[in-house]
Amino acid sequence: MKNEKNSTISNIQTTRLIRIRQVMNLVGLSKSHIYHLAAQGKSPKSIPLVPGGTSVA
């Protein structure tokens, strides 16, 4: 018999937000090129961390 709890847990997706410096290190692209790709819809756009704030991930 399959354990339903383990099956449910394995199907949960986790979203992880990372800052621009981490993105730059992971993909090897410049900050301006990453923002350019986001503007074209070819990479995820920034998400504000605090409503009305300037911090994004």
C-alpha atoms as a PDB file:
ATOM      1  CA  MET A   1       0.000   0.000   0.000  1.00  0.00           C
ATOM      2  CA  LYS A   2       1.328   3.448  -0.936  1.00  0.00           C
ATOM      3  CA  ASN A   3       1.709   6.009   1.836  1.00  0.00           C
ATOM      4  CA  GLU A   4      -0.478   8.973   0.789  1.00  0.00           C
ATOM      5  CA  LYS A   5       1.373  11.444   3.043  1.00  0.00           C
ATOM      6  CA  ASN A   6       4.743  10.754   1.377  1.00  0.00           C
ATOM      7  CA  SER A   7       3.136  10.940  -2.057  1.00  0.00           C
ATOM      8  CA  THR A   8       1.632  14.353  -1.276  1.00  0.00           C
ATOM      9  CA  ILE A   9       4.868  15.737   0.148  1.00  0.00           C
ATOM     10  CA  SER A  10       6.867  14.680  -2.906  1.00  0.00           C
ATOM     11  CA  ASN A  11       4.464  16.606  -5.186  1.00  0.00           C
ATOM     12  CA  ILE A  12       4.840  19.933  -3.346  1.00  0.00           C
ATOM     13  CA  GLN A  13       6.876  22.512  -5.240  1.00  0.00           C
ATOM     14  CA  THR A  14       8.925  25.055  -3.343  1.00  0.00           C
ATOM     15  CA  THR A  15       9.532  28.576  -4.615  1.00  0.00           C
ATOM     16  CA  ARG A  16      12.862  30.092  -3.669  1.00  0.00           C
ATOM     17  CA  LEU A  17      13.640  33.748  -4.242  1.00  0.00           C
ATOM     18  CA  ILE A  18      17.241  34.726  -4.905  1.00  0.00           C
ATOM     19  CA  ARG A  19      18.867  38.134  -5.210  1.00  0.00           C
ATOM     20  CA  ILE A  20      20.453  39.509  -8.391  1.00  0.00           C
ATOM     21  CA  ARG A  21      24.034  38.785  -7.245  1.00  0.00           C
ATOM     22  CA  GLN A  22      23.177  35.104  -6.796  1.00  0.00           C
ATOM     23  CA  VAL A  23      21.539  35.030 -10.244  1.00  0.00           C
ATOM     24  CA  MET A  24      24.656  36.602 -11.767  1.00  0.00           C
ATOM     25  CA  ASN A  25      26.876  33.971 -10.123  1.00  0.00           C
ATOM     26  CA  LEU A  26      24.622  31.083 -11.181  1.00  0.00           C
ATOM     27  CA  VAL A  27      24.140  32.026 -14.836  1.00  0.00           C
ATOM     28  CA  GLY A  28      27.329  33.976 -15.539  1.00  0.00           C
ATOM     29  CA  LEU A  29      25.554  36.984 -17.064  1.00  0.00           C
ATOM     30  CA  SER A  30      25.779  40.674 -16.234  1.00  0.00           C
ATOM     31  CA  LYS A  31      23.100  42.431 -14.220  1.00  0.00           C
ATOM     32  CA  SER A  32      22.016  44.561 -17.190  1.00  0.00           C
ATOM     33  CA  HIS A  33      21.692  41.505 -19.458  1.00  0.00           C
ATOM     34  CA  ILE A  34      19.577  39.682 -16.861  1.00  0.00           C
ATOM     35  CA  TYR A  35      17.251  42.704 -16.601  1.00  0.00           C
ATOM     36  CA  HIS A  36      17.123  42.900 -20.422  1.00  0.00           C
ATOM     37  CA  LEU A  37      16.071  39.241 -20.612  1.00  0.00           C
ATOM     38  CA  ALA A  38      13.404  39.837 -17.953  1.00  0.00           C
ATOM     39  CA  ALA A  39      12.031  42.801 -19.948  1.00  0.00           C
ATOM     40  CA  GLN A  40      11.769  40.523 -23.004  1.00  0.00           C
ATOM     41  CA  GLY A  41       9.963  37.861 -20.961  1.00  0.00           C
ATOM     42  CA  LYS A  42      12.835  35.378 -21.364  1.00  0.00           C
ATOM     43  CA  SER A  43      13.609  35.187 -17.639  1.00  0.00           C
ATOM     44  CA  PRO A  44      11.538  35.733 -14.478  1.00  0.00           C
ATOM     45  CA  LYS A  45      10.893  39.321 -13.448  1.00  0.00           C
ATOM     46  CA  SER A  46      11.853  40.742 -10.060  1.00  0.00           C
ATOM     47  CA  ILE A  47       9.408  40.347  -7.179  1.00  0.00           C
ATOM     48  CA  PRO A  48       9.185  43.064  -4.479  1.00  0.00           C
ATOM     49  CA  LEU A  49      10.096  41.706  -1.041  1.00  0.00           C
ATOM     50  CA  VAL A  50       8.239  44.450   0.834  1.00  0.00           C
ATOM     51  CA  PRO A  51       5.205  46.291  -0.560  1.00  0.00           C
ATOM     52  CA  GLY A  52       6.312  49.804  -1.494  1.00  0.00           C
ATOM     53  CA  GLY A  53       9.950  48.980  -0.758  1.00  0.00           C
ATOM     54  CA  THR A  54      12.952  48.890  -3.038  1.00  0.00           C
ATOM     55  CA  SER A  55      14.232  45.392  -2.174  1.00  0.00           C
ATOM     56  CA  VAL A  56      13.495  42.786  -4.844  1.00  0.00           C
ATOM     57  CA  ALA A  57      14.421  39.165  -5.467  1.00  0.00           C
END
